Amino acid sequence: ARVIAVELSRSKLDIARKLGASHIICPQDGDVAAQIAALLPEGPDVVIEAVGAPATFLQAVDIVGQCGRVVYIGYAKDPVSYDTKRFLTKELDIRGARNAARSDFDNVIEWLKGHPDAGDLIVTTTTELDEAPLALAHWDENPEAYTKILVRFGATHAA
């Protein structure tokens, strides 16, 4: 698949490129839909929405190509109102996803074993379970500075 990553954070876009995204788009550089249309005039086959904002929920339906699929991973805290005619005229497949099967985790672990540098790109910080609330508070204050926080369970401390 050709992956187009859309993200406000330029540092996270850089990570996406290093992890294999063929194109990166920053909404601050202009209209996202127009930038995607320049790359894929018929629209992408699949759009994965992971932000959870009403605007990006709607944008996913607008951007995806005819007979495409929209997968919502993020969830909007506010209600989202759609023109349902778009679902029918574009013959869309709309799905929600919140979990993964055990085999998905196994596949990711195998991929990471073959790409050990990827973990260093993805994990911003590592913390012990008892320190996780502080790490999450720091993330909440500055989400752009974090990609993933790895929490260790049952780690022992050297005396």
N, C-alpha and C. Protein backbone atom coordinates (compact mmCIF):
# COMPACT_ATOMS: atom_id res chain seq x y z
N ALA A 1 0.84 -1.18 0.00
CA ALA A 1 0.00 0.00 0.00
C ALA A 1 0.88 1.24 0.00
N ARG A 2 0.41 2.25 -0.64
CA ARG A 2 1.07 3.55 -0.59
C ARG A 2 0.43 4.33 0.55
N VAL A 3 1.23 4.70 1.53
CA VAL A 3 0.72 5.35 2.74
C VAL A 3 0.95 6.85 2.66
N ILE A 4 -0.12 7.60 2.90
CA ILE A 4 -0.06 9.05 3.00
C ILE A 4 -0.39 9.39 4.44
N ALA A 5 0.57 9.96 5.16
CA ALA A 5 0.36 10.33 6.56
C ALA A 5 -0.01 11.80 6.64
N VAL A 6 -1.06 12.09 7.41
CA VAL A 6 -1.50 13.47 7.63
C VAL A 6 -1.39 13.73 9.13
N GLU A 7 -0.68 14.78 9.48
CA GLU A 7 -0.40 15.04 10.91
C GLU A 7 -0.02 16.50 11.07
N LEU A 8 -0.45 17.11 12.17
CA LEU A 8 -0.09 18.50 12.46
C LEU A 8 1.36 18.64 12.91
N SER A 9 1.88 17.63 13.58
CA SER A 9 3.23 17.70 14.12
C SER A 9 4.26 17.32 13.06
N ARG A 10 5.15 18.22 12.76
CA ARG A 10 6.18 17.94 11.75
C ARG A 10 7.15 16.86 12.23
N SER A 11 7.40 16.80 13.54
CA SER A 11 8.30 15.76 14.04
C SER A 11 7.65 14.39 13.89
N LYS A 12 6.35 14.29 14.09
CA LYS A 12 5.67 13.01 13.91
C LYS A 12 5.58 12.65 12.42
N LEU A 13 5.47 13.65 11.56
CA LEU A 13 5.51 13.38 10.12
C LEU A 13 6.87 12.83 9.71
N ASP A 14 7.92 13.35 10.32
CA ASP A 14 9.26 12.85 10.04
C ASP A 14 9.37 11.38 10.44
N ILE A 15 8.79 11.03 11.58
CA ILE A 15 8.78 9.63 12.02
C ILE A 15 7.99 8.78 11.03
N ALA A 16 6.85 9.27 10.59
CA ALA A 16 6.04 8.52 9.62
C ALA A 16 6.83 8.27 8.34
N ARG A 17 7.56 9.25 7.88
CA ARG A 17 8.38 9.07 6.67
C ARG A 17 9.45 8.01 6.91
N LYS A 18 10.12 8.09 8.07
CA LYS A 18 11.17 7.11 8.39
C LYS A 18 10.61 5.70 8.52
N LEU A 19 9.34 5.59 8.89
CA LEU A 19 8.71 4.28 9.04
C LEU A 19 8.06 3.79 7.74
N GLY A 20 8.18 4.58 6.67
CA GLY A 20 7.71 4.08 5.38
C GLY A 20 6.60 4.82 4.69
N ALA A 21 6.08 5.89 5.28
CA ALA A 21 5.04 6.65 4.58
C ALA A 21 5.62 7.20 3.28
N SER A 22 4.90 7.01 2.20
CA SER A 22 5.42 7.47 0.90
C SER A 22 5.21 8.97 0.72
N HIS A 23 4.20 9.52 1.39
CA HIS A 23 3.93 10.95 1.33
C HIS A 23 3.52 11.43 2.71
N ILE A 24 3.90 12.64 3.04
CA ILE A 24 3.48 13.24 4.30
C ILE A 24 2.80 14.57 4.00
N ILE A 25 1.73 14.85 4.75
CA ILE A 25 0.97 16.08 4.55
C ILE A 25 0.76 16.73 5.90
N CYS A 26 1.10 18.00 5.97
CA CYS A 26 0.85 18.80 7.18
C CYS A 26 -0.28 19.77 6.85
N PRO A 27 -1.38 19.72 7.59
CA PRO A 27 -2.51 20.61 7.33
C PRO A 27 -2.13 22.10 7.35
N GLN A 28 -1.04 22.45 8.03
CA GLN A 28 -0.61 23.84 8.07
C GLN A 28 -0.08 24.31 6.72
N ASP A 29 0.21 23.35 5.82
CA ASP A 29 0.75 23.69 4.50
C ASP A 29 -0.34 23.91 3.46
N GLY A 30 -1.59 23.78 3.86
CA GLY A 30 -2.68 24.00 2.92
C GLY A 30 -3.76 22.94 3.05
N ASP A 31 -4.73 23.03 2.17
CA ASP A 31 -5.91 22.16 2.19
C ASP A 31 -5.51 20.69 2.03
N VAL A 32 -5.84 19.89 3.04
CA VAL A 32 -5.48 18.48 3.04
C VAL A 32 -6.14 17.75 1.88
N ALA A 33 -7.42 17.99 1.66
CA ALA A 33 -8.14 17.31 0.58
C ALA A 33 -7.51 17.61 -0.77
N ALA A 34 -7.11 18.84 -0.99
CA ALA A 34 -6.49 19.21 -2.27
C ALA A 34 -5.13 18.54 -2.42
N GLN A 35 -4.37 18.46 -1.34
CA GLN A 35 -3.06 17.81 -1.41
C GLN A 35 -3.21 16.31 -1.70
N ILE A 36 -4.20 15.68 -1.09
CA ILE A 36 -4.44 14.26 -1.35
C ILE A 36 -4.94 14.06 -2.78
N ALA A 37 -5.84 14.94 -3.24
CA ALA A 37 -6.36 14.84 -4.61
C ALA A 37 -5.25 14.99 -5.64
N ALA A 38 -4.23 15.80 -5.33
CA ALA A 38 -3.10 15.95 -6.25
C ALA A 38 -2.31 14.64 -6.36
N LEU A 39 -2.27 13.88 -5.26
CA LEU A 39 -1.56 12.60 -5.27
C LEU A 39 -2.42 11.47 -5.82
N LEU A 40 -3.70 11.49 -5.45
CA LEU A 40 -4.64 10.43 -5.84
C LEU A 40 -5.93 11.08 -6.34
N PRO A 41 -5.99 11.43 -7.62
CA PRO A 41 -7.17 12.13 -8.15
C PRO A 41 -8.50 11.41 -7.91
N GLU A 42 -8.48 10.08 -7.85
CA GLU A 42 -9.71 9.32 -7.60
C GLU A 42 -9.98 9.13 -6.11
N GLY A 43 -9.06 9.58 -5.28
CA GLY A 43 -9.20 9.43 -3.84
C GLY A 43 -8.59 8.13 -3.36
N PRO A 44 -8.20 8.08 -2.09
CA PRO A 44 -7.62 6.85 -1.54
C PRO A 44 -8.67 5.75 -1.41
N ASP A 45 -8.20 4.50 -1.47
CA ASP A 45 -9.10 3.35 -1.28
C ASP A 45 -9.51 3.22 0.18
N VAL A 46 -8.61 3.58 1.09
CA VAL A 46 -8.88 3.46 2.53
C VAL A 46 -8.41 4.73 3.22
N VAL A 47 -9.23 5.25 4.12
CA VAL A 47 -8.85 6.36 4.98
C VAL A 47 -9.02 5.88 6.42
N ILE A 48 -7.96 6.01 7.20
CA ILE A 48 -8.01 5.64 8.61
C ILE A 48 -8.00 6.93 9.42
N GLU A 49 -9.08 7.17 10.14
CA GLU A 49 -9.20 8.37 10.96
C GLU A 49 -8.84 8.00 12.39
N ALA A 50 -7.78 8.63 12.92
CA ALA A 50 -7.32 8.29 14.27
C ALA A 50 -7.27 9.51 15.18
N VAL A 51 -7.84 10.63 14.75
CA VAL A 51 -7.79 11.86 15.53
C VAL A 51 -8.97 11.93 16.50
N GLY A 52 -10.14 11.61 16.02
CA GLY A 52 -11.32 11.67 16.86
C GLY A 52 -11.96 13.03 16.94
N ALA A 53 -11.77 13.87 15.92
CA ALA A 53 -12.39 15.19 15.89
C ALA A 53 -13.54 15.16 14.88
N PRO A 54 -14.65 15.83 15.18
CA PRO A 54 -15.75 15.85 14.22
C PRO A 54 -15.33 16.27 12.81
N ALA A 55 -14.44 17.25 12.72
CA ALA A 55 -14.00 17.72 11.39
C ALA A 55 -13.28 16.63 10.62
N THR A 56 -12.45 15.83 11.29
CA THR A 56 -11.72 14.78 10.59
C THR A 56 -12.61 13.58 10.30
N PHE A 57 -13.65 13.37 11.10
CA PHE A 57 -14.64 12.33 10.79
C PHE A 57 -15.30 12.66 9.46
N LEU A 58 -15.72 13.89 9.30
CA LEU A 58 -16.37 14.32 8.05
C LEU A 58 -15.39 14.32 6.89
N GLN A 59 -14.19 14.79 7.13
CA GLN A 59 -13.18 14.87 6.08
C GLN A 59 -12.84 13.49 5.53
N ALA A 60 -12.82 12.48 6.38
CA ALA A 60 -12.51 11.12 5.93
C ALA A 60 -13.50 10.66 4.87
N VAL A 61 -14.78 10.94 5.08
CA VAL A 61 -15.82 10.56 4.12
C VAL A 61 -15.67 11.36 2.83
N ASP A 62 -15.32 12.62 2.95
CA ASP A 62 -15.15 13.45 1.75
C ASP A 62 -13.94 13.02 0.93
N ILE A 63 -12.86 12.64 1.58
CA ILE A 63 -11.60 12.35 0.89
C ILE A 63 -11.58 10.97 0.25
N VAL A 64 -12.15 9.96 0.91
CA VAL A 64 -12.05 8.59 0.41
C VAL A 64 -12.66 8.47 -0.98
N GLY A 65 -12.08 7.59 -1.77
CA GLY A 65 -12.53 7.40 -3.14
C GLY A 65 -13.83 6.60 -3.24
N GLN A 66 -14.37 6.55 -4.45
CA GLN A 66 -15.58 5.78 -4.75
C GLN A 66 -15.38 4.33 -4.33
N CYS A 67 -16.36 3.76 -3.66
CA CYS A 67 -16.33 2.38 -3.16
C CYS A 67 -15.19 2.17 -2.16
N GLY A 68 -14.76 3.23 -1.51
CA GLY A 68 -13.67 3.14 -0.55
C GLY A 68 -14.14 2.75 0.83
N ARG A 69 -13.18 2.65 1.73
CA ARG A 69 -13.45 2.26 3.11
C ARG A 69 -12.92 3.35 4.04
N VAL A 70 -13.72 3.71 5.03
CA VAL A 70 -13.30 4.62 6.10
C VAL A 70 -13.29 3.81 7.39
N VAL A 71 -12.15 3.83 8.08
CA VAL A 71 -12.02 3.13 9.35
C VAL A 71 -11.78 4.19 10.42
N TYR A 72 -12.67 4.20 11.41
CA TYR A 72 -12.55 5.14 12.52
C TYR A 72 -11.89 4.45 13.70
N ILE A 73 -10.71 4.93 14.06
CA ILE A 73 -10.02 4.42 15.24
C ILE A 73 -10.22 5.41 16.39
N GLY A 74 -10.11 6.69 16.08
CA GLY A 74 -10.40 7.72 17.07
C GLY A 74 -11.90 7.82 17.26
N TYR A 75 -12.31 8.41 18.35
CA TYR A 75 -13.74 8.65 18.51
C TYR A 75 -13.96 10.11 18.87
N ALA A 76 -15.03 10.66 18.34
CA ALA A 76 -15.35 12.06 18.58
C ALA A 76 -16.12 12.17 19.90
N LYS A 77 -15.71 13.11 20.73
CA LYS A 77 -16.40 13.31 22.00
C LYS A 77 -17.72 14.04 21.80
N ASP A 78 -17.82 14.77 20.68
CA ASP A 78 -19.05 15.48 20.35
C ASP A 78 -19.77 14.76 19.23
N PRO A 79 -21.10 14.91 19.15
CA PRO A 79 -21.83 14.26 18.06
C PRO A 79 -21.34 14.76 16.69
N VAL A 80 -21.41 13.86 15.71
CA VAL A 80 -21.00 14.18 14.35
C VAL A 80 -22.23 13.99 13.46
N SER A 81 -22.53 15.01 12.67
CA SER A 81 -23.69 14.97 11.79
C SER A 81 -23.23 14.81 10.34
N TYR A 82 -23.72 13.75 9.68
CA TYR A 82 -23.33 13.43 8.31
C TYR A 82 -24.47 13.68 7.34
N ASP A 83 -24.10 13.98 6.10
CA ASP A 83 -25.04 13.92 4.99
C ASP A 83 -24.95 12.47 4.51
N THR A 84 -25.88 11.64 4.92
CA THR A 84 -25.80 10.21 4.65
C THR A 84 -25.88 9.89 3.16
N LYS A 85 -26.30 10.83 2.35
CA LYS A 85 -26.32 10.61 0.90
C LYS A 85 -24.92 10.26 0.39
N ARG A 86 -23.89 10.82 1.01
CA ARG A 86 -22.51 10.55 0.60
C ARG A 86 -22.16 9.07 0.77
N PHE A 87 -22.68 8.43 1.82
CA PHE A 87 -22.41 7.01 2.03
C PHE A 87 -22.93 6.18 0.85
N LEU A 88 -24.12 6.54 0.39
CA LEU A 88 -24.76 5.78 -0.68
C LEU A 88 -24.18 6.10 -2.05
N THR A 89 -24.01 7.39 -2.35
CA THR A 89 -23.53 7.75 -3.68
C THR A 89 -22.08 7.33 -3.91
N LYS A 90 -21.30 7.29 -2.84
CA LYS A 90 -19.91 6.83 -2.98
C LYS A 90 -19.77 5.34 -2.69
N GLU A 91 -20.87 4.70 -2.27
CA GLU A 91 -20.88 3.27 -1.94
C GLU A 91 -19.76 2.92 -0.96
N LEU A 92 -19.78 3.61 0.17
CA LEU A 92 -18.70 3.48 1.14
C LEU A 92 -18.91 2.33 2.11
N ASP A 93 -17.79 1.84 2.59
CA ASP A 93 -17.74 0.86 3.66
C ASP A 93 -17.20 1.62 4.87
N ILE A 94 -18.03 1.78 5.89
CA ILE A 94 -17.64 2.52 7.09
C ILE A 94 -17.47 1.53 8.23
N ARG A 95 -16.31 1.59 8.90
CA ARG A 95 -16.05 0.67 9.99
C ARG A 95 -15.47 1.40 11.19
N GLY A 96 -15.68 0.82 12.33
CA GLY A 96 -15.05 1.30 13.55
C GLY A 96 -14.12 0.22 14.06
N ALA A 97 -13.04 0.62 14.68
CA ALA A 97 -12.09 -0.34 15.22
C ALA A 97 -11.56 0.18 16.54
N ARG A 98 -11.61 -0.64 17.56
CA ARG A 98 -11.07 -0.19 18.84
C ARG A 98 -10.07 -1.16 19.42
N ASN A 99 -10.05 -2.37 18.93
CA ASN A 99 -9.13 -3.37 19.45
C ASN A 99 -8.48 -4.13 18.31
N ALA A 100 -7.59 -4.99 18.67
CA ALA A 100 -6.91 -5.83 17.70
C ALA A 100 -6.94 -7.27 18.21
N ALA A 101 -6.82 -8.19 17.29
CA ALA A 101 -6.74 -9.61 17.67
C ALA A 101 -5.33 -9.92 18.15
N ARG A 102 -5.19 -10.98 18.89
CA ARG A 102 -3.87 -11.40 19.38
C ARG A 102 -2.89 -11.56 18.23
N SER A 103 -3.36 -12.08 17.10
CA SER A 103 -2.48 -12.27 15.95
C SER A 103 -1.94 -10.94 15.42
N ASP A 104 -2.72 -9.86 15.56
CA ASP A 104 -2.24 -8.54 15.14
C ASP A 104 -1.04 -8.12 15.98
N PHE A 105 -1.13 -8.34 17.29
CA PHE A 105 0.00 -8.01 18.16
C PHE A 105 1.22 -8.87 17.81
N ASP A 106 0.97 -10.16 17.54
CA ASP A 106 2.07 -11.05 17.17
C ASP A 106 2.75 -10.55 15.90
N ASN A 107 1.95 -10.10 14.92
CA ASN A 107 2.52 -9.58 13.67
C ASN A 107 3.34 -8.33 13.91
N VAL A 108 2.86 -7.44 14.76
CA VAL A 108 3.60 -6.22 15.07
C VAL A 108 4.91 -6.56 15.78
N ILE A 109 4.85 -7.47 16.73
CA ILE A 109 6.06 -7.87 17.46
C ILE A 109 7.09 -8.46 16.49
N GLU A 110 6.65 -9.30 15.58
CA GLU A 110 7.57 -9.87 14.60
C GLU A 110 8.17 -8.78 13.71
N TRP A 111 7.34 -7.84 13.30
CA TRP A 111 7.84 -6.74 12.46
C TRP A 111 8.88 -5.93 13.23
N LEU A 112 8.60 -5.63 14.49
CA LEU A 112 9.54 -4.86 15.30
C LEU A 112 10.85 -5.61 15.51
N LYS A 113 10.79 -6.93 15.62
CA LYS A 113 12.02 -7.71 15.76
C LYS A 113 12.90 -7.54 14.52
N GLY A 114 12.28 -7.45 13.36
CA GLY A 114 13.03 -7.27 12.12
C GLY A 114 13.43 -5.84 11.84
N HIS A 115 12.86 -4.90 12.60
CA HIS A 115 13.15 -3.47 12.44
C HIS A 115 13.40 -2.85 13.81
N PRO A 116 14.50 -3.23 14.47
CA PRO A 116 14.73 -2.79 15.85
C PRO A 116 14.82 -1.27 16.03
N ASP A 117 15.22 -0.55 15.00
CA ASP A 117 15.30 0.91 15.12
C ASP A 117 13.93 1.57 15.17
N ALA A 118 12.89 0.88 14.69
CA ALA A 118 11.55 1.45 14.68
C ALA A 118 11.06 1.77 16.09
N GLY A 119 11.37 0.89 17.03
CA GLY A 119 10.94 1.13 18.41
C GLY A 119 11.51 2.43 18.96
N ASP A 120 12.76 2.72 18.62
CA ASP A 120 13.38 3.97 19.07
C ASP A 120 12.70 5.18 18.45
N LEU A 121 12.17 5.04 17.26
CA LEU A 121 11.45 6.14 16.62
C LEU A 121 10.07 6.35 17.23
N ILE A 122 9.44 5.24 17.60
CA ILE A 122 8.05 5.30 18.05
C ILE A 122 7.94 5.64 19.53
N VAL A 123 8.78 5.04 20.38
CA VAL A 123 8.67 5.23 21.83
C VAL A 123 9.45 6.47 22.24
N THR A 124 8.74 7.44 22.76
CA THR A 124 9.36 8.69 23.19
C THR A 124 10.00 8.56 24.56
N THR A 125 9.31 7.86 25.46
CA THR A 125 9.83 7.71 26.82
C THR A 125 9.35 6.39 27.40
N THR A 126 10.12 5.89 28.36
CA THR A 126 9.78 4.66 29.08
C THR A 126 9.67 5.00 30.55
N THR A 127 8.65 4.45 31.19
CA THR A 127 8.42 4.75 32.60
C THR A 127 7.96 3.50 33.33
N GLU A 128 8.13 3.51 34.63
CA GLU A 128 7.62 2.43 35.47
C GLU A 128 6.14 2.69 35.74
N LEU A 129 5.41 1.64 36.10
CA LEU A 129 3.97 1.76 36.32
C LEU A 129 3.63 2.84 37.33
N ASP A 130 4.37 2.91 38.43
CA ASP A 130 4.05 3.89 39.46
C ASP A 130 4.33 5.33 39.03
N GLU A 131 5.13 5.49 37.98
CA GLU A 131 5.44 6.83 37.46
C GLU A 131 4.59 7.20 36.24
N ALA A 132 3.73 6.28 35.79
CA ALA A 132 2.93 6.51 34.59
C ALA A 132 2.02 7.74 34.70
N PRO A 133 1.37 8.00 35.84
CA PRO A 133 0.53 9.20 35.90
C PRO A 133 1.29 10.49 35.61
N LEU A 134 2.52 10.59 36.09
CA LEU A 134 3.32 11.78 35.82
C LEU A 134 3.69 11.86 34.34
N ALA A 135 4.07 10.73 33.74
CA ALA A 135 4.40 10.72 32.31
C ALA A 135 3.19 11.12 31.48
N LEU A 136 2.01 10.62 31.85
CA LEU A 136 0.79 10.98 31.12
C LEU A 136 0.44 12.45 31.31
N ALA A 137 0.70 12.99 32.49
CA ALA A 137 0.46 14.42 32.72
C ALA A 137 1.38 15.27 31.83
N HIS A 138 2.64 14.85 31.71
CA HIS A 138 3.57 15.57 30.83
C HIS A 138 3.10 15.49 29.38
N TRP A 139 2.63 14.30 28.96
CA TRP A 139 2.09 14.13 27.61
C TRP A 139 0.89 15.06 27.40
N ASP A 140 0.01 15.14 28.40
CA ASP A 140 -1.19 15.98 28.29
C ASP A 140 -0.81 17.46 28.12
N GLU A 141 0.26 17.88 28.77
CA GLU A 141 0.72 19.26 28.69
C GLU A 141 1.38 19.57 27.35
N ASN A 142 1.99 18.58 26.74
CA ASN A 142 2.73 18.81 25.49
C ASN A 142 2.64 17.57 24.59
N PRO A 143 1.46 17.30 24.01
CA PRO A 143 1.28 16.07 23.23
C PRO A 143 2.18 15.98 22.00
N GLU A 144 2.60 17.10 21.45
CA GLU A 144 3.45 17.06 20.26
C GLU A 144 4.82 16.46 20.57
N ALA A 145 5.24 16.54 21.81
CA ALA A 145 6.56 16.04 22.19
C ALA A 145 6.59 14.52 22.37
N TYR A 146 5.42 13.87 22.32
CA TYR A 146 5.35 12.44 22.58
C TYR A 146 4.72 11.71 21.40
N THR A 147 5.25 10.53 21.13
CA THR A 147 4.61 9.62 20.18
C THR A 147 3.97 8.49 20.98
N LYS A 148 4.78 7.72 21.68
CA LYS A 148 4.27 6.65 22.53
C LYS A 148 5.03 6.66 23.85
N ILE A 149 4.30 6.31 24.92
CA ILE A 149 4.90 6.15 26.23
C ILE A 149 4.84 4.66 26.56
N LEU A 150 6.00 4.08 26.81
CA LEU A 150 6.08 2.67 27.16
C LEU A 150 6.07 2.55 28.68
N VAL A 151 5.11 1.81 29.20
CA VAL A 151 4.99 1.61 30.65
C VAL A 151 5.44 0.18 30.96
N ARG A 152 6.42 0.08 31.84
CA ARG A 152 6.93 -1.23 32.25
C ARG A 152 6.13 -1.73 33.45
N PHE A 153 5.75 -2.99 33.39
CA PHE A 153 5.03 -3.63 34.47
C PHE A 153 5.95 -4.61 35.17
N GLY A 154 5.97 -4.57 36.49
CA GLY A 154 6.72 -5.56 37.25
C GLY A 154 8.22 -5.45 37.14
N ALA A 155 8.73 -4.31 36.71
CA ALA A 155 10.19 -4.15 36.62
C ALA A 155 10.75 -4.03 38.02
N THR A 156 11.94 -4.54 38.20
CA THR A 156 12.58 -4.45 39.50
C THR A 156 13.63 -3.34 39.47
N HIS A 157 13.77 -2.66 40.57
CA HIS A 157 14.75 -1.58 40.69
C HIS A 157 16.01 -2.11 41.36
N ALA A 158 17.14 -1.72 40.84
CA ALA A 158 18.41 -2.10 41.47
C ALA A 158 18.60 -1.28 42.74
N ALA A 159 19.11 -1.90 43.78
CA ALA A 159 19.28 -1.20 45.06
C ALA A 159 20.59 -0.43 45.07
